[in-house]
PDB file of N, CA and C in Angstrom:
ATOM      1  N   MET A   1     -65.005  68.977  68.172  1.00  0.00           N
ATOM      2  CA  MET A   1     -65.034  69.762  69.371  1.00  0.00           C
ATOM      3  C   MET A   1     -63.651  70.276  69.737  1.00  0.00           C
ATOM      4  N   VAL A   2     -62.611  69.441  69.577  1.00  0.00           N
ATOM      5  CA  VAL A   2     -61.262  69.872  69.908  1.00  0.00           C
ATOM      6  C   VAL A   2     -60.838  71.023  69.012  1.00  0.00           C
ATOM      7  N   ALA A   3     -61.196  70.940  67.714  1.00  0.00           N
ATOM      8  CA  ALA A   3     -60.847  72.015  66.798  1.00  0.00           C
ATOM      9  C   ALA A   3     -61.540  73.314  67.191  1.00  0.00           C
ATOM     10  N   THR A   4     -62.736  73.212  67.731  1.00  0.00           N
ATOM     11  CA  THR A   4     -63.441  74.403  68.187  1.00  0.00           C
ATOM     12  C   THR A   4     -62.740  75.013  69.386  1.00  0.00           C
ATOM     13  N   ILE A   5     -62.289  74.174  70.297  1.00  0.00           N
ATOM     14  CA  ILE A   5     -61.606  74.667  71.490  1.00  0.00           C
ATOM     15  C   ILE A   5     -60.267  75.291  71.131  1.00  0.00           C
ATOM     16  N   LEU A   6     -59.545  74.681  70.199  1.00  0.00           N
ATOM     17  CA  LEU A   6     -58.222  75.156  69.840  1.00  0.00           C
ATOM     18  C   LEU A   6     -58.221  75.948  68.542  1.00  0.00           C
ATOM     19  N   GLY A   7     -59.281  76.699  68.297  1.00  0.00           N
ATOM     20  CA  GLY A   7     -59.367  77.490  67.083  1.00  0.00           C
ATOM     21  C   GLY A   7     -58.268  78.530  67.022  1.00  0.00           C
ATOM     22  N   ALA A   8     -57.912  78.942  65.819  1.00  0.00           N
ATOM     23  CA  ALA A   8     -56.805  79.881  65.641  1.00  0.00           C
ATOM     24  C   ALA A   8     -57.060  81.203  66.344  1.00  0.00           C
ATOM     25  N   SER A   9     -58.290  81.659  66.373  1.00  0.00           N
ATOM     26  CA  SER A   9     -58.561  82.945  67.005  1.00  0.00           C
ATOM     27  C   SER A   9     -58.515  82.840  68.527  1.00  0.00           C
ATOM     28  N   ASP A  10     -58.698  81.631  69.065  1.00  0.00           N
ATOM     29  CA  ASP A  10     -58.697  81.442  70.510  1.00  0.00           C
ATOM     30  C   ASP A  10     -57.334  81.018  71.038  1.00  0.00           C
ATOM     31  N   LEU A  11     -56.422  80.634  70.176  1.00  0.00           N
ATOM     32  CA  LEU A  11     -55.137  80.086  70.584  1.00  0.00           C
ATOM     33  C   LEU A  11     -54.108  81.197  70.681  1.00  0.00           C
ATOM     34  N   SER A  12     -53.500  81.346  71.845  1.00  0.00           N
ATOM     35  CA  SER A  12     -52.507  82.382  72.058  1.00  0.00           C
ATOM     36  C   SER A  12     -51.111  81.786  71.953  1.00  0.00           C
ATOM     37  N   ALA A  13     -50.190  82.558  71.428  1.00  0.00           N
ATOM     38  CA  ALA A  13     -48.805  82.105  71.312  1.00  0.00           C
ATOM     39  C   ALA A  13     -48.024  82.346  72.597  1.00  0.00           C
ATOM     40  N   THR A  14     -48.601  83.037  73.547  1.00  0.00           N
ATOM     41  CA  THR A  14     -47.893  83.383  74.776  1.00  0.00           C
ATOM     42  C   THR A  14     -47.414  82.162  75.562  1.00  0.00           C
ATOM     43  N   PRO A  15     -48.244  81.120  75.776  1.00  0.00           N
ATOM     44  CA  PRO A  15     -47.725  79.964  76.526  1.00  0.00           C
ATOM     45  C   PRO A  15     -46.547  79.282  75.844  1.00  0.00           C
ATOM     46  N   VAL A  16     -46.581  79.200  74.525  1.00  0.00           N
ATOM     47  CA  VAL A  16     -45.473  78.562  73.803  1.00  0.00           C
ATOM     48  C   VAL A  16     -44.230  79.437  73.885  1.00  0.00           C
ATOM     49  N   ALA A  17     -44.398  80.748  73.771  1.00  0.00           N
ATOM     50  CA  ALA A  17     -43.255  81.655  73.892  1.00  0.00           C
ATOM     51  C   ALA A  17     -42.648  81.579  75.290  1.00  0.00           C
ATOM     52  N   LEU A  18     -43.478  81.484  76.304  1.00  0.00           N
ATOM     53  CA  LEU A  18     -42.975  81.334  77.667  1.00  0.00           C
ATOM     54  C   LEU A  18     -42.251  80.003  77.843  1.00  0.00           C
ATOM     55  N   LEU A  19     -42.761  78.958  77.212  1.00  0.00           N
ATOM     56  CA  LEU A  19     -42.113  77.652  77.275  1.00  0.00           C
ATOM     57  C   LEU A  19     -40.747  77.692  76.589  1.00  0.00           C
ATOM     58  N   ILE A  20     -40.650  78.392  75.486  1.00  0.00           N
ATOM     59  CA  ILE A  20     -39.364  78.559  74.803  1.00  0.00           C
ATOM     60  C   ILE A  20     -38.389  79.312  75.709  1.00  0.00           C
ATOM     61  N   GLY A  21     -38.872  80.390  76.319  1.00  0.00           N
ATOM     62  CA  GLY A  21     -38.024  81.147  77.234  1.00  0.00           C
ATOM     63  C   GLY A  21     -37.561  80.312  78.415  1.00  0.00           C
ATOM     64  N   LEU A  22     -38.457  79.488  78.950  1.00  0.00           N
ATOM     65  CA  LEU A  22     -38.098  78.615  80.059  1.00  0.00           C
ATOM     66  C   LEU A  22     -37.033  77.609  79.625  1.00  0.00           C
ATOM     67  N   GLY A  23     -37.194  77.048  78.440  1.00  0.00           N
ATOM     68  CA  GLY A  23     -36.210  76.082  77.941  1.00  0.00           C
ATOM     69  C   GLY A  23     -34.838  76.703  77.764  1.00  0.00           C
ATOM     70  N   VAL A  24     -34.802  77.917  77.226  1.00  0.00           N
ATOM     71  CA  VAL A  24     -33.524  78.616  77.057  1.00  0.00           C
ATOM     72  C   VAL A  24     -32.911  78.919  78.424  1.00  0.00           C
ATOM     73  N   PHE A  25     -33.736  79.387  79.358  1.00  0.00           N
ATOM     74  CA  PHE A  25     -33.248  79.717  80.693  1.00  0.00           C
ATOM     75  C   PHE A  25     -32.678  78.479  81.387  1.00  0.00           C
ATOM     76  N   VAL A  26     -33.402  77.377  81.336  1.00  0.00           N
ATOM     77  CA  VAL A  26     -32.940  76.140  81.980  1.00  0.00           C
ATOM     78  C   VAL A  26     -31.652  75.651  81.327  1.00  0.00           C
ATOM     79  N   GLY A  27     -31.576  75.749  80.010  1.00  0.00           N
ATOM     80  CA  GLY A  27     -30.363  75.326  79.313  1.00  0.00           C
ATOM     81  C   GLY A  27     -29.154  76.170  79.673  1.00  0.00           C
ATOM     82  N   VAL A  28     -29.347  77.483  79.748  1.00  0.00           N
ATOM     83  CA  VAL A  28     -28.245  78.381  80.099  1.00  0.00           C
ATOM     84  C   VAL A  28     -27.800  78.147  81.544  1.00  0.00           C
ATOM     85  N   VAL A  29     -28.766  78.009  82.451  1.00  0.00           N
ATOM     86  CA  VAL A  29     -28.423  77.731  83.848  1.00  0.00           C
ATOM     87  C   VAL A  29     -27.678  76.403  83.951  1.00  0.00           C
ATOM     88  N   GLY A  30     -28.089  75.422  83.182  1.00  0.00           N
ATOM     89  CA  GLY A  30     -27.394  74.132  83.185  1.00  0.00           C
ATOM     90  C   GLY A  30     -25.971  74.248  82.694  1.00  0.00           C
ATOM     91  N   HIS A  31     -25.760  75.059  81.658  1.00  0.00           N
ATOM     92  CA  HIS A  31     -24.400  75.279  81.162  1.00  0.00           C
ATOM     93  C   HIS A  31     -23.549  75.979  82.210  1.00  0.00           C
ATOM     94  N   LEU A  32     -24.107  77.014  82.824  1.00  0.00           N
ATOM     95  CA  LEU A  32     -23.350  77.762  83.830  1.00  0.00           C
ATOM     96  C   LEU A  32     -23.036  76.905  85.058  1.00  0.00           C
ATOM     97  N   ALA A  33     -23.960  76.031  85.424  1.00  0.00           N
ATOM     98  CA  ALA A  33     -23.760  75.173  86.588  1.00  0.00           C
ATOM     99  C   ALA A  33     -22.929  73.931  86.256  1.00  0.00           C
ATOM    100  N   GLY A  34     -22.752  73.662  84.982  1.00  0.00           N
ATOM    101  CA  GLY A  34     -22.000  72.481  84.574  1.00  0.00           C
ATOM    102  C   GLY A  34     -22.791  71.193  84.745  1.00  0.00           C
ATOM    103  N   SER A  35     -24.112  71.294  84.729  1.00  0.00           N
ATOM    104  CA  SER A  35     -24.973  70.136  84.914  1.00  0.00           C
ATOM    105  C   SER A  35     -25.494  69.663  83.561  1.00  0.00           C
ATOM    106  N   ARG A  36     -25.026  68.514  83.154  1.00  0.00           N
ATOM    107  CA  ARG A  36     -25.413  67.971  81.853  1.00  0.00           C
ATOM    108  C   ARG A  36     -26.905  67.636  81.820  1.00  0.00           C
ATOM    109  N   ARG A  37     -27.428  67.124  82.925  1.00  0.00           N
ATOM    110  CA  ARG A  37     -28.854  66.768  82.974  1.00  0.00           C
ATOM    111  C   ARG A  37     -29.746  67.994  82.838  1.00  0.00           C
ATOM    112  N   THR A  38     -29.352  69.096  83.451  1.00  0.00           N
ATOM    113  CA  THR A  38     -30.145  70.319  83.356  1.00  0.00           C
ATOM    114  C   THR A  38     -30.153  70.857  81.928  1.00  0.00           C
ATOM    115  N   VAL A  39     -29.022  70.770  81.262  1.00  0.00           N
ATOM    116  CA  VAL A  39     -28.961  71.191  79.856  1.00  0.00           C
ATOM    117  C   VAL A  39     -29.879  70.324  79.007  1.00  0.00           C
ATOM    118  N   ILE A  40     -29.871  69.026  79.253  1.00  0.00           N
ATOM    119  CA  ILE A  40     -30.730  68.108  78.497  1.00  0.00           C
ATOM    120  C   ILE A  40     -32.203  68.433  78.740  1.00  0.00           C
ATOM    121  N   VAL A  41     -32.554  68.754  79.976  1.00  0.00           N
ATOM    122  CA  VAL A  41     -33.942  69.127  80.272  1.00  0.00           C
ATOM    123  C   VAL A  41     -34.307  70.411  79.523  1.00  0.00           C
ATOM    124  N   GLY A  42     -33.413  71.393  79.489  1.00  0.00           N
ATOM    125  CA  GLY A  42     -33.681  72.629  78.752  1.00  0.00           C
ATOM    126  C   GLY A  42     -33.878  72.382  77.266  1.00  0.00           C
ATOM    127  N   ILE A  43     -33.054  71.527  76.691  1.00  0.00           N
ATOM    128  CA  ILE A  43     -33.194  71.199  75.270  1.00  0.00           C
ATOM    129  C   ILE A  43     -34.487  70.440  75.026  1.00  0.00           C
ATOM    130  N   ALA A  44     -34.850  69.549  75.938  1.00  0.00           N
ATOM    131  CA  ALA A  44     -36.107  68.804  75.796  1.00  0.00           C
ATOM    132  C   ALA A  44     -37.302  69.759  75.836  1.00  0.00           C
ATOM    133  N   ILE A  45     -37.245  70.751  76.711  1.00  0.00           N
ATOM    134  CA  ILE A  45     -38.326  71.748  76.776  1.00  0.00           C
ATOM    135  C   ILE A  45     -38.420  72.501  75.449  1.00  0.00           C
ATOM    136  N   LEU A  46     -37.287  72.835  74.855  1.00  0.00           N
ATOM    137  CA  LEU A  46     -37.303  73.521  73.554  1.00  0.00           C
ATOM    138  C   LEU A  46     -37.909  72.631  72.466  1.00  0.00           C
ATOM    139  N   PHE A  47     -37.608  71.341  72.477  1.00  0.00           N
ATOM    140  CA  PHE A  47     -38.199  70.431  71.496  1.00  0.00           C
ATOM    141  C   PHE A  47     -39.711  70.325  71.679  1.00  0.00           C
ATOM    142  N   VAL A  48     -40.168  70.284  72.919  1.00  0.00           N
ATOM    143  CA  VAL A  48     -41.611  70.231  73.183  1.00  0.00           C
ATOM    144  C   VAL A  48     -42.276  71.509  72.691  1.00  0.00           C
ATOM    145  N   ALA A  49     -41.651  72.659  72.940  1.00  0.00           N
ATOM    146  CA  ALA A  49     -42.216  73.933  72.487  1.00  0.00           C
ATOM    147  C   ALA A  49     -42.288  73.983  70.963  1.00  0.00           C
ATOM    148  N   THR A  50     -41.264  73.467  70.297  1.00  0.00           N
ATOM    149  CA  THR A  50     -41.271  73.433  68.832  1.00  0.00           C
ATOM    150  C   THR A  50     -42.390  72.535  68.319  1.00  0.00           C
ATOM    151  N   ALA A  51     -42.571  71.395  68.950  1.00  0.00           N
ATOM    152  CA  ALA A  51     -43.654  70.497  68.545  1.00  0.00           C
ATOM    153  C   ALA A  51     -45.007  71.158  68.758  1.00  0.00           C
ATOM    154  N   LEU A  52     -45.172  71.887  69.863  1.00  0.00           N
ATOM    155  CA  LEU A  52     -46.436  72.588  70.113  1.00  0.00           C
ATOM    156  C   LEU A  52     -46.686  73.673  69.067  1.00  0.00           C
ATOM    157  N   LEU A  53     -45.624  74.346  68.621  1.00  0.00           N
ATOM    158  CA  LEU A  53     -45.791  75.341  67.554  1.00  0.00           C
ATOM    159  C   LEU A  53     -46.283  74.691  66.269  1.00  0.00           C
ATOM    160  N   LEU A  54     -45.698  73.555  65.921  1.00  0.00           N
ATOM    161  CA  LEU A  54     -46.114  72.856  64.705  1.00  0.00           C
ATOM    162  C   LEU A  54     -47.550  72.360  64.798  1.00  0.00           C
ATOM    163  N   VAL A  55     -47.896  71.777  65.927  1.00  0.00           N
ATOM    164  CA  VAL A  55     -49.262  71.275  66.117  1.00  0.00           C
ATOM    165  C   VAL A  55     -50.255  72.435  66.113  1.00  0.00           C
ATOM    166  N   GLY A  56     -49.909  73.517  66.769  1.00  0.00           N
ATOM    167  CA  GLY A  56     -50.787  74.687  66.786  1.00  0.00           C
ATOM    168  C   GLY A  56     -50.999  75.278  65.399  1.00  0.00           C
ATOM    169  N   GLY A  57     -49.932  75.343  64.608  1.00  0.00           N
ATOM    170  CA  GLY A  57     -50.064  75.826  63.236  1.00  0.00           C
ATOM    171  C   GLY A  57     -50.905  74.912  62.379  1.00  0.00           C
ATOM    172  N   TYR A  58     -50.742  73.617  62.561  1.00  0.00           N
ATOM    173  CA  TYR A  58     -51.550  72.642  61.817  1.00  0.00           C
ATOM    174  C   TYR A  58     -53.023  72.770  62.183  1.00  0.00           C
ATOM    175  N   ILE A  59     -53.302  72.874  63.466  1.00  0.00           N
ATOM    176  CA  ILE A  59     -54.693  72.991  63.912  1.00  0.00           C
ATOM    177  C   ILE A  59     -55.302  74.307  63.431  1.00  0.00           C
ATOM    178  N   ALA A  60     -54.516  75.363  63.413  1.00  0.00           N
ATOM    179  CA  ALA A  60     -55.031  76.670  63.022  1.00  0.00           C
ATOM    180  C   ALA A  60     -55.467  76.698  61.555  1.00  0.00           C
ATOM    181  N   TYR A  61     -54.779  75.953  60.692  1.00  0.00           N
ATOM    182  CA  TYR A  61     -55.101  76.002  59.266  1.00  0.00           C
ATOM    183  C   TYR A  61     -55.746  74.734  58.739  1.00  0.00           C
ATOM    184  N   GLN A  62     -56.109  73.811  59.617  1.00  0.00           N
ATOM    185  CA  GLN A  62     -56.769  72.588  59.175  1.00  0.00           C
ATOM    186  C   GLN A  62     -58.210  72.901  58.789  1.00  0.00           C
ATOM    187  N   ASP A  63     -58.581  72.516  57.598  1.00  0.00           N
ATOM    188  CA  ASP A  63     -59.933  72.723  57.070  1.00  0.00           C
ATOM    189  C   ASP A  63     -60.358  74.182  57.094  1.00  0.00           C
ATOM    190  N   ASP A  64     -59.402  75.076  56.923  1.00  0.00           N
ATOM    191  CA  ASP A  64     -59.716  76.504  56.882  1.00  0.00           C
ATOM    192  C   ASP A  64     -60.042  76.878  55.440  1.00  0.00           C
ATOM    193  N   ALA A  65     -61.198  77.480  55.230  1.00  0.00           N
ATOM    194  CA  ALA A  65     -61.622  77.838  53.876  1.00  0.00           C
ATOM    195  C   ALA A  65     -60.810  78.999  53.317  1.00  0.00           C
ATOM    196  N   ILE A  66     -60.224  79.793  54.169  1.00  0.00           N
ATOM    197  CA  ILE A  66     -59.454  80.955  53.722  1.00  0.00           C
ATOM    198  C   ILE A  66     -57.971  80.603  53.754  1.00  0.00           C
ATOM    199  N   ASP A  67     -57.353  80.600  52.580  1.00  0.00           N
ATOM    200  CA  ASP A  67     -55.931  80.309  52.464  1.00  0.00           C
ATOM    201  C   ASP A  67     -55.165  81.624  52.556  1.00  0.00           C
ATOM    202  N   PRO A  68     -54.205  81.760  53.484  1.00  0.00           N
ATOM    203  CA  PRO A  68     -53.507  83.027  53.647  1.00  0.00           C
ATOM    204  C   PRO A  68     -52.489  83.316  52.547  1.00  0.00           C
ATOM    205  N   ARG A  69     -52.177  82.331  51.700  1.00  0.00           N
ATOM    206  CA  ARG A  69     -51.188  82.553  50.635  1.00  0.00           C
ATOM    207  C   ARG A  69     -51.800  83.347  49.493  1.00  0.00           C
ATOM    208  N   PRO A  70     -51.000  84.189  48.841  1.00  0.00           N
ATOM    209  CA  PRO A  70     -51.508  84.900  47.660  1.00  0.00           C
ATOM    210  C   PRO A  70     -51.789  83.917  46.525  1.00  0.00           C
ATOM    211  N   CYS A  71     -52.661  84.312  45.608  1.00  0.00           N
ATOM    212  CA  CYS A  71     -53.068  83.420  44.525  1.00  0.00           C
ATOM    213  C   CYS A  71     -51.911  83.060  43.590  1.00  0.00           C
ATOM    214  N   ASP A  72     -50.918  83.942  43.443  1.00  0.00           N
ATOM    215  CA  ASP A  72     -49.817  83.644  42.540  1.00  0.00           C
ATOM    216  C   ASP A  72     -48.735  82.789  43.196  1.00  0.00           C
ATOM    217  N   ALA A  73     -48.872  82.482  44.488  1.00  0.00           N
ATOM    218  CA  ALA A  73     -47.908  81.618  45.178  1.00  0.00           C
ATOM    219  C   ALA A  73     -48.177  80.158  44.820  1.00  0.00           C
ATOM    220  N   PRO A  74     -47.136  79.320  44.868  1.00  0.00           N
ATOM    221  CA  PRO A  74     -47.349  77.888  44.583  1.00  0.00           C
ATOM    222  C   PRO A  74     -48.348  77.281  45.570  1.00  0.00           C
ATOM    223  N   GLY A  75     -49.380  76.661  45.063  1.00  0.00           N
ATOM    224  CA  GLY A  75     -50.397  76.044  45.892  1.00  0.00           C
ATOM    225  C   GLY A  75     -51.482  77.009  46.347  1.00  0.00           C
ATOM    226  N   GLY A  76     -51.355  78.272  46.015  1.00  0.00           N
ATOM    227  CA  GLY A  76     -52.360  79.260  46.421  1.00  0.00           C
ATOM    228  C   GLY A  76     -53.596  79.192  45.537  1.00  0.00           C
ATOM    229  N   CYS A  77     -54.708  79.610  46.071  1.00  0.00           N
ATOM    230  CA  CYS A  77     -56.018  79.615  45.402  1.00  0.00           C
ATOM    231  C   CYS A  77     -56.256  78.286  44.818  1.00  0.00           C
TER     232      CYS A  77
END
């Protein structure tokens, strides 16, 4: 059921892109303000966004019958 909800065609990259933008913004504001904690929070947000990208990519291609790689690529077909 979870795979159905988070299918590749239903999953948008917009929330993750916004999360990346938020992390960069918080990190830059932290640098400008001289707040070490704010910079750490911005970096943590970027790590969470990266993890979400990896999980989303894994879910999108898990048990997918169609492999997007060309047949002459290593592991293709």
